[in-house]
Amino acid sequence: MTSMEIIWYFFTGVGVLASVGGLVLGAHVWLERRRLAREPTWDDALRVAEKLLVAVEAADFKPQVVIGLGRSGGIWGGWLAGNLGSLPFLVIDDEYSLTPDGRRVEFRCANEVFTYVHKTFPENARVLVVEGATTDGLTIREFFDKLVPKSPEWDVRIAVLYKNPGANAKVDFAGKDDLSPWPKRFPWHKRAAYQPHLHFFFERTRGAPATGAVHA
């Protein structure tokens, strides 16, 4: 084999490898775009929240106070509380950790929240607990195991926007329980997902005359 043939085979091999690499990269990009396209948007979540609201309103259960679990519960619990007649609304933050026995959840400020509800509603309180999405039901199970026994007289109902069909948890109201495939992230997990809505807001207010008034 001559040196020219060796060079020719070498560059041919490089070209083949580059083509294969390009195909693999292209396939990865295509799959990633498909995955992102399937992830719910804020508009999707709002439509699901509206269905959840209708389900809660139609039930015999009439909540007196709404408690949001974690960040997503803070967002959608507040939204539901406002649309259910400006009900009192509180948030219990959650913190996840890995232990030898598996993943666990700790609830921040839970004692303060429960104290407020007890003082505000000395009789049996009707409490709607809200989470944005439940993947495996862990947060809800831990809530019932750790916190609900402190107030056994309460009537506690659980509402989630998105419930994984495989979640092992008691859920009373779900906006959507047949989402497939289950997304890795929801819009409240994605920083970039907030930007179009903020851009729309600032575009509408930019250039408005400064009147000194503050609008809510």
C-alpha atoms as a PDB file:
ATOM      1  CA  MET A   1       0.000   0.000   0.000  1.00  0.00           C
ATOM      2  CA  THR A   2       1.438   3.320  -1.030  1.00  0.00           C
ATOM      3  CA  SER A   3       1.668   6.377   1.172  1.00  0.00           C
ATOM      4  CA  MET A   4      -0.982   8.101  -0.957  1.00  0.00           C
ATOM      5  CA  GLU A   5      -3.390   5.219  -0.419  1.00  0.00           C
ATOM      6  CA  ILE A   6      -2.767   5.336   3.326  1.00  0.00           C
ATOM      7  CA  ILE A   7      -3.496   9.059   3.371  1.00  0.00           C
ATOM      8  CA  TRP A   8      -6.650   8.509   1.288  1.00  0.00           C
ATOM      9  CA  TYR A   9      -7.934   5.788   3.646  1.00  0.00           C
ATOM     10  CA  PHE A  10      -7.099   7.936   6.647  1.00  0.00           C
ATOM     11  CA  PHE A  11      -9.095  10.926   5.464  1.00  0.00           C
ATOM     12  CA  THR A  12     -11.925   8.676   4.280  1.00  0.00           C
ATOM     13  CA  GLY A  13     -12.108   7.158   7.754  1.00  0.00           C
ATOM     14  CA  VAL A  14     -12.102  10.598   9.330  1.00  0.00           C
ATOM     15  CA  GLY A  15     -14.939  11.640   7.026  1.00  0.00           C
ATOM     16  CA  VAL A  16     -16.988   8.571   7.921  1.00  0.00           C
ATOM     17  CA  LEU A  17     -16.457   9.148  11.638  1.00  0.00           C
ATOM     18  CA  ALA A  18     -17.423  12.807  11.261  1.00  0.00           C
ATOM     19  CA  SER A  19     -20.593  11.811   9.394  1.00  0.00           C
ATOM     20  CA  VAL A  20     -21.524   9.272  12.036  1.00  0.00           C
ATOM     21  CA  GLY A  21     -20.825  11.813  14.761  1.00  0.00           C
ATOM     22  CA  GLY A  22     -22.989  14.340  12.985  1.00  0.00           C
ATOM     23  CA  LEU A  23     -25.837  11.852  12.725  1.00  0.00           C
ATOM     24  CA  VAL A  24     -25.579  10.967  16.406  1.00  0.00           C
ATOM     25  CA  LEU A  25     -25.491  14.617  17.409  1.00  0.00           C
ATOM     26  CA  GLY A  26     -28.413  15.410  15.144  1.00  0.00           C
ATOM     27  CA  ALA A  27     -30.430  12.542  16.585  1.00  0.00           C
ATOM     28  CA  HIS A  28     -29.651  13.732  20.112  1.00  0.00           C
ATOM     29  CA  VAL A  29     -30.751  17.280  19.313  1.00  0.00           C
ATOM     30  CA  TRP A  30     -33.938  15.992  17.673  1.00  0.00           C
ATOM     31  CA  LEU A  31     -34.792  13.802  20.665  1.00  0.00           C
ATOM     32  CA  GLU A  32     -34.065  16.625  23.094  1.00  0.00           C
ATOM     33  CA  ARG A  33     -36.323  18.985  21.160  1.00  0.00           C
ATOM     34  CA  ARG A  34     -39.092  16.393  21.170  1.00  0.00           C
ATOM     35  CA  ARG A  35     -38.679  15.932  24.917  1.00  0.00           C
ATOM     36  CA  LEU A  36     -38.822  19.681  25.535  1.00  0.00           C
ATOM     37  CA  ALA A  37     -41.848  19.977  23.272  1.00  0.00           C
ATOM     38  CA  ARG A  38     -43.667  17.435  25.449  1.00  0.00           C
ATOM     39  CA  GLU A  39     -42.884  19.239  28.696  1.00  0.00           C
ATOM     40  CA  PRO A  40     -45.840  21.312  29.943  1.00  0.00           C
ATOM     41  CA  THR A  41     -45.662  25.066  29.502  1.00  0.00           C
ATOM     42  CA  TRP A  42     -47.076  27.750  31.778  1.00  0.00           C
ATOM     43  CA  ASP A  43     -50.100  27.982  29.501  1.00  0.00           C
ATOM     44  CA  ASP A  44     -50.625  24.225  29.777  1.00  0.00           C
ATOM     45  CA  ALA A  45     -50.330  24.410  33.559  1.00  0.00           C
ATOM     46  CA  LEU A  46     -52.838  27.253  33.744  1.00  0.00           C
ATOM     47  CA  ARG A  47     -55.394  25.278  31.750  1.00  0.00           C
ATOM     48  CA  VAL A  48     -54.875  22.312  34.076  1.00  0.00           C
ATOM     49  CA  ALA A  49     -55.182  24.602  37.104  1.00  0.00           C
ATOM     50  CA  GLU A  50     -58.512  25.881  35.802  1.00  0.00           C
ATOM     51  CA  LYS A  51     -59.780  22.292  35.543  1.00  0.00           C
ATOM     52  CA  LEU A  52     -58.560  21.649  39.074  1.00  0.00           C
ATOM     53  CA  LEU A  53     -60.369  24.755  40.297  1.00  0.00           C
ATOM     54  CA  VAL A  54     -63.626  23.585  38.720  1.00  0.00           C
ATOM     55  CA  ALA A  55     -63.259  20.174  40.391  1.00  0.00           C
ATOM     56  CA  VAL A  56     -62.698  21.722  43.821  1.00  0.00           C
ATOM     57  CA  GLU A  57     -65.615  24.138  43.397  1.00  0.00           C
ATOM     58  CA  ALA A  58     -67.938  21.309  42.388  1.00  0.00           C
ATOM     59  CA  ALA A  59     -67.129  19.190  45.456  1.00  0.00           C
ATOM     60  CA  ASP A  60     -69.098  19.156  48.692  1.00  0.00           C
ATOM     61  CA  PHE A  61     -65.850  19.976  50.479  1.00  0.00           C
ATOM     62  CA  LYS A  62     -65.539  23.732  51.035  1.00  0.00           C
ATOM     63  CA  PRO A  63     -62.031  24.627  52.244  1.00  0.00           C
ATOM     64  CA  GLN A  64     -61.489  27.309  54.845  1.00  0.00           C
ATOM     65  CA  VAL A  65     -57.735  27.611  54.362  1.00  0.00           C
ATOM     66  CA  VAL A  66     -55.225  26.599  51.688  1.00  0.00           C
ATOM     67  CA  ILE A  67     -51.717  25.302  52.404  1.00  0.00           C
ATOM     68  CA  GLY A  68     -49.146  25.065  49.627  1.00  0.00           C
ATOM     69  CA  LEU A  69     -46.408  22.440  49.771  1.00  0.00           C
ATOM     70  CA  GLY A  70     -43.057  23.570  48.410  1.00  0.00           C
ATOM     71  CA  ARG A  71     -42.469  26.110  45.641  1.00  0.00           C
ATOM     72  CA  SER A  72     -45.009  24.716  43.214  1.00  0.00           C
ATOM     73  CA  GLY A  73     -47.586  24.521  45.984  1.00  0.00           C
ATOM     74  CA  GLY A  74     -46.782  28.128  46.804  1.00  0.00           C
ATOM     75  CA  ILE A  75     -47.496  29.203  43.236  1.00  0.00           C
ATOM     76  CA  TRP A  76     -50.654  27.215  42.588  1.00  0.00           C
ATOM     77  CA  GLY A  77     -51.931  27.131  46.145  1.00  0.00           C
ATOM     78  CA  GLY A  78     -51.964  30.921  46.142  1.00  0.00           C
ATOM     79  CA  TRP A  79     -53.718  30.928  42.789  1.00  0.00           C
ATOM     80  CA  LEU A  80     -56.378  28.515  44.017  1.00  0.00           C
ATOM     81  CA  ALA A  81     -56.846  30.376  47.307  1.00  0.00           C
ATOM     82  CA  GLY A  82     -57.454  33.605  45.398  1.00  0.00           C
ATOM     83  CA  ASN A  83     -59.939  32.005  43.027  1.00  0.00           C
ATOM     84  CA  LEU A  84     -61.799  30.215  45.810  1.00  0.00           C
ATOM     85  CA  GLY A  85     -62.777  33.479  47.434  1.00  0.00           C
ATOM     86  CA  SER A  86     -59.509  34.916  48.751  1.00  0.00           C
ATOM     87  CA  LEU A  87     -59.087  32.173  51.340  1.00  0.00           C
ATOM     88  CA  PRO A  88     -56.258  32.370  53.890  1.00  0.00           C
ATOM     89  CA  PHE A  89     -53.134  30.934  52.326  1.00  0.00           C
ATOM     90  CA  LEU A  90     -49.931  29.593  53.871  1.00  0.00           C
ATOM     91  CA  VAL A  91     -46.865  27.761  52.580  1.00  0.00           C
ATOM     92  CA  ILE A  92     -44.936  24.882  54.104  1.00  0.00           C
ATOM     93  CA  ASP A  93     -41.597  24.557  52.378  1.00  0.00           C
ATOM     94  CA  ASP A  94     -40.124  21.113  51.805  1.00  0.00           C
ATOM     95  CA  GLU A  95     -36.516  19.942  51.830  1.00  0.00           C
ATOM     96  CA  TYR A  96     -35.402  16.626  50.360  1.00  0.00           C
ATOM     97  CA  SER A  97     -32.485  14.515  51.530  1.00  0.00           C
ATOM     98  CA  LEU A  98     -31.022  11.103  50.828  1.00  0.00           C
ATOM     99  CA  THR A  99     -30.721   8.688  53.737  1.00  0.00           C
ATOM    100  CA  PRO A 100     -29.664   5.037  53.941  1.00  0.00           C
ATOM    101  CA  ASP A 101     -33.383   4.220  53.865  1.00  0.00           C
ATOM    102  CA  GLY A 102     -34.023   6.311  50.744  1.00  0.00           C
ATOM    103  CA  ARG A 103     -35.249   9.812  49.965  1.00  0.00           C
ATOM    104  CA  ARG A 104     -36.932  11.725  52.777  1.00  0.00           C
ATOM    105  CA  VAL A 105     -38.790  15.010  53.097  1.00  0.00           C
ATOM    106  CA  GLU A 106     -38.560  17.551  55.894  1.00  0.00           C
ATOM    107  CA  PHE A 107     -41.111  20.345  56.191  1.00  0.00           C
ATOM    108  CA  ARG A 108     -39.970  23.845  57.101  1.00  0.00           C
ATOM    109  CA  CYS A 109     -42.165  26.188  59.152  1.00  0.00           C
ATOM    110  CA  ALA A 110     -44.821  23.497  59.540  1.00  0.00           C
ATOM    111  CA  ASN A 111     -45.282  24.137  63.252  1.00  0.00           C
ATOM    112  CA  GLU A 112     -45.859  27.854  62.676  1.00  0.00           C
ATOM    113  CA  VAL A 113     -48.384  27.150  59.928  1.00  0.00           C
ATOM    114  CA  PHE A 114     -50.285  24.625  62.033  1.00  0.00           C
ATOM    115  CA  THR A 115     -50.309  27.016  64.998  1.00  0.00           C
ATOM    116  CA  TYR A 116     -51.849  29.752  62.839  1.00  0.00           C
ATOM    117  CA  VAL A 117     -54.571  27.452  61.518  1.00  0.00           C
ATOM    118  CA  HIS A 118     -55.416  26.219  65.031  1.00  0.00           C
ATOM    119  CA  LYS A 119     -55.743  29.787  66.303  1.00  0.00           C
ATOM    120  CA  THR A 120     -57.741  30.984  63.318  1.00  0.00           C
ATOM    121  CA  PHE A 121     -60.048  27.972  63.120  1.00  0.00           C
ATOM    122  CA  PRO A 122     -60.429  26.565  66.642  1.00  0.00           C
ATOM    123  CA  GLU A 123     -63.104  24.160  65.431  1.00  0.00           C
ATOM    124  CA  ASN A 124     -62.441  21.399  62.920  1.00  0.00           C
ATOM    125  CA  ALA A 125     -60.662  23.117  60.030  1.00  0.00           C
ATOM    126  CA  ARG A 126     -61.255  22.232  56.404  1.00  0.00           C
ATOM    127  CA  VAL A 127     -57.805  22.404  54.822  1.00  0.00           C
ATOM    128  CA  LEU A 128     -56.917  22.157  51.141  1.00  0.00           C
ATOM    129  CA  VAL A 129     -53.269  21.149  50.661  1.00  0.00           C
ATOM    130  CA  VAL A 130     -51.826  21.909  47.218  1.00  0.00           C
ATOM    131  CA  GLU A 131     -48.813  20.567  45.324  1.00  0.00           C
ATOM    132  CA  GLY A 132     -47.926  21.365  41.731  1.00  0.00           C
ATOM    133  CA  ALA A 133     -47.101  17.817  40.664  1.00  0.00           C
ATOM    134  CA  THR A 134     -46.672  14.522  42.448  1.00  0.00           C
ATOM    135  CA  THR A 135     -44.293  12.093  40.799  1.00  0.00           C
ATOM    136  CA  ASP A 136     -44.186   9.220  43.259  1.00  0.00           C
ATOM    137  CA  GLY A 137     -46.381  10.597  46.031  1.00  0.00           C
ATOM    138  CA  LEU A 138     -43.532  10.868  48.548  1.00  0.00           C
ATOM    139  CA  THR A 139     -44.220  14.459  49.660  1.00  0.00           C
ATOM    140  CA  ILE A 140     -47.911  13.771  50.221  1.00  0.00           C
ATOM    141  CA  ARG A 141     -47.241  10.523  52.087  1.00  0.00           C
ATOM    142  CA  GLU A 142     -44.703  12.219  54.345  1.00  0.00           C
ATOM    143  CA  PHE A 143     -47.147  15.069  54.964  1.00  0.00           C
ATOM    144  CA  PHE A 144     -49.779  12.621  56.158  1.00  0.00           C
ATOM    145  CA  ASP A 145     -47.280  10.613  58.207  1.00  0.00           C
ATOM    146  CA  LYS A 146     -45.529  13.539  59.916  1.00  0.00           C
ATOM    147  CA  LEU A 147     -47.984  16.420  60.086  1.00  0.00           C
ATOM    148  CA  VAL A 148     -51.612  15.340  59.786  1.00  0.00           C
ATOM    149  CA  PRO A 149     -51.521  13.271  63.031  1.00  0.00           C
ATOM    150  CA  LYS A 150     -50.818  16.540  64.883  1.00  0.00           C
ATOM    151  CA  SER A 151     -54.318  17.726  63.959  1.00  0.00           C
ATOM    152  CA  PRO A 152     -56.505  14.629  63.553  1.00  0.00           C
ATOM    153  CA  GLU A 153     -59.664  16.728  63.812  1.00  0.00           C
ATOM    154  CA  TRP A 154     -58.909  18.550  60.564  1.00  0.00           C
ATOM    155  CA  ASP A 155     -60.579  17.602  57.303  1.00  0.00           C
ATOM    156  CA  VAL A 156     -57.569  17.579  54.964  1.00  0.00           C
ATOM    157  CA  ARG A 157     -57.909  17.203  51.201  1.00  0.00           C
ATOM    158  CA  ILE A 158     -55.084  17.062  48.661  1.00  0.00           C
ATOM    159  CA  ALA A 159     -55.100  18.868  45.308  1.00  0.00           C
ATOM    160  CA  VAL A 160     -52.423  18.605  42.623  1.00  0.00           C
ATOM    161  CA  LEU A 161     -52.229  19.961  39.107  1.00  0.00           C
ATOM    162  CA  TYR A 162     -50.427  16.905  37.753  1.00  0.00           C
ATOM    163  CA  LYS A 163     -50.654  13.424  39.260  1.00  0.00           C
ATOM    164  CA  ASN A 164     -48.440  10.661  37.943  1.00  0.00           C
ATOM    165  CA  PRO A 165     -50.622   7.566  37.361  1.00  0.00           C
ATOM    166  CA  GLY A 166     -48.026   5.550  39.267  1.00  0.00           C
ATOM    167  CA  ALA A 167     -47.925   7.866  42.301  1.00  0.00           C
ATOM    168  CA  ASN A 168     -48.677   6.107  45.566  1.00  0.00           C
ATOM    169  CA  ALA A 169     -50.505   8.841  47.439  1.00  0.00           C
ATOM    170  CA  LYS A 170     -53.962   9.948  48.487  1.00  0.00           C
ATOM    171  CA  VAL A 171     -55.042  12.676  46.064  1.00  0.00           C
ATOM    172  CA  ASP A 172     -58.564  14.069  46.220  1.00  0.00           C
ATOM    173  CA  PHE A 173     -58.400  16.517  43.321  1.00  0.00           C
ATOM    174  CA  ALA A 174     -56.162  16.267  40.249  1.00  0.00           C
ATOM    175  CA  GLY A 175     -56.188  18.595  37.276  1.00  0.00           C
ATOM    176  CA  LYS A 176     -54.553  15.972  35.067  1.00  0.00           C
ATOM    177  CA  ASP A 177     -53.756  12.374  35.953  1.00  0.00           C
ATOM    178  CA  ASP A 178     -52.978  10.847  32.565  1.00  0.00           C
ATOM    179  CA  LEU A 179     -49.906  12.797  31.469  1.00  0.00           C
ATOM    180  CA  SER A 180     -47.651  10.490  29.455  1.00  0.00           C
ATOM    181  CA  PRO A 181     -44.746  10.368  29.203  1.00  0.00           C
ATOM    182  CA  TRP A 182     -44.150  11.918  32.597  1.00  0.00           C
ATOM    183  CA  PRO A 183     -41.916  14.990  32.080  1.00  0.00           C
ATOM    184  CA  LYS A 184     -38.606  15.477  33.812  1.00  0.00           C
ATOM    185  CA  ARG A 185     -39.464  19.085  34.540  1.00  0.00           C
ATOM    186  CA  PHE A 186     -42.462  21.365  34.823  1.00  0.00           C
ATOM    187  CA  PRO A 187     -42.477  25.065  33.899  1.00  0.00           C
ATOM    188  CA  TRP A 188     -41.834  26.178  37.489  1.00  0.00           C
ATOM    189  CA  HIS A 189     -38.588  24.176  37.400  1.00  0.00           C
ATOM    190  CA  LYS A 190     -37.273  26.023  34.336  1.00  0.00           C
ATOM    191  CA  ARG A 191     -35.814  29.480  34.727  1.00  0.00           C
ATOM    192  CA  ALA A 192     -36.170  30.275  31.035  1.00  0.00           C
ATOM    193  CA  ALA A 193     -39.864  29.425  31.098  1.00  0.00           C
ATOM    194  CA  TYR A 194     -40.563  32.552  33.154  1.00  0.00           C
ATOM    195  CA  GLN A 195     -38.992  34.906  30.616  1.00  0.00           C
ATOM    196  CA  PRO A 196     -41.736  35.086  27.930  1.00  0.00           C
ATOM    197  CA  HIS A 197     -44.296  36.063  30.570  1.00  0.00           C
ATOM    198  CA  LEU A 198     -42.018  38.676  32.131  1.00  0.00           C
ATOM    199  CA  HIS A 199     -41.194  40.017  28.660  1.00  0.00           C
ATOM    200  CA  PHE A 200     -44.918  40.346  27.895  1.00  0.00           C
ATOM    201  CA  PHE A 201     -45.507  42.190  31.165  1.00  0.00           C
ATOM    202  CA  PHE A 202     -42.690  44.674  30.695  1.00  0.00           C
ATOM    203  CA  GLU A 203     -43.582  45.269  27.049  1.00  0.00           C
ATOM    204  CA  ARG A 204     -47.098  46.227  28.135  1.00  0.00           C
ATOM    205  CA  THR A 205     -45.879  48.615  30.824  1.00  0.00           C
ATOM    206  CA  ARG A 206     -42.846  50.068  29.080  1.00  0.00           C
ATOM    207  CA  GLY A 207     -43.377  53.660  28.036  1.00  0.00           C
ATOM    208  CA  ALA A 208     -46.480  54.115  30.181  1.00  0.00           C
ATOM    209  CA  PRO A 209     -46.748  57.630  31.642  1.00  0.00           C
ATOM    210  CA  ALA A 210     -45.464  57.964  35.198  1.00  0.00           C
ATOM    211  CA  THR A 211     -48.519  59.059  37.167  1.00  0.00           C
ATOM    212  CA  GLY A 212     -47.199  58.243  40.591  1.00  0.00           C
ATOM    213  CA  ALA A 213     -49.939  55.677  41.120  1.00  0.00           C
ATOM    214  CA  VAL A 214     -49.067  52.132  42.066  1.00  0.00           C
ATOM    215  CA  HIS A 215     -51.159  49.442  40.406  1.00  0.00           C
ATOM    216  CA  ALA A 216     -51.483  45.981  41.902  1.00  0.00           C
END
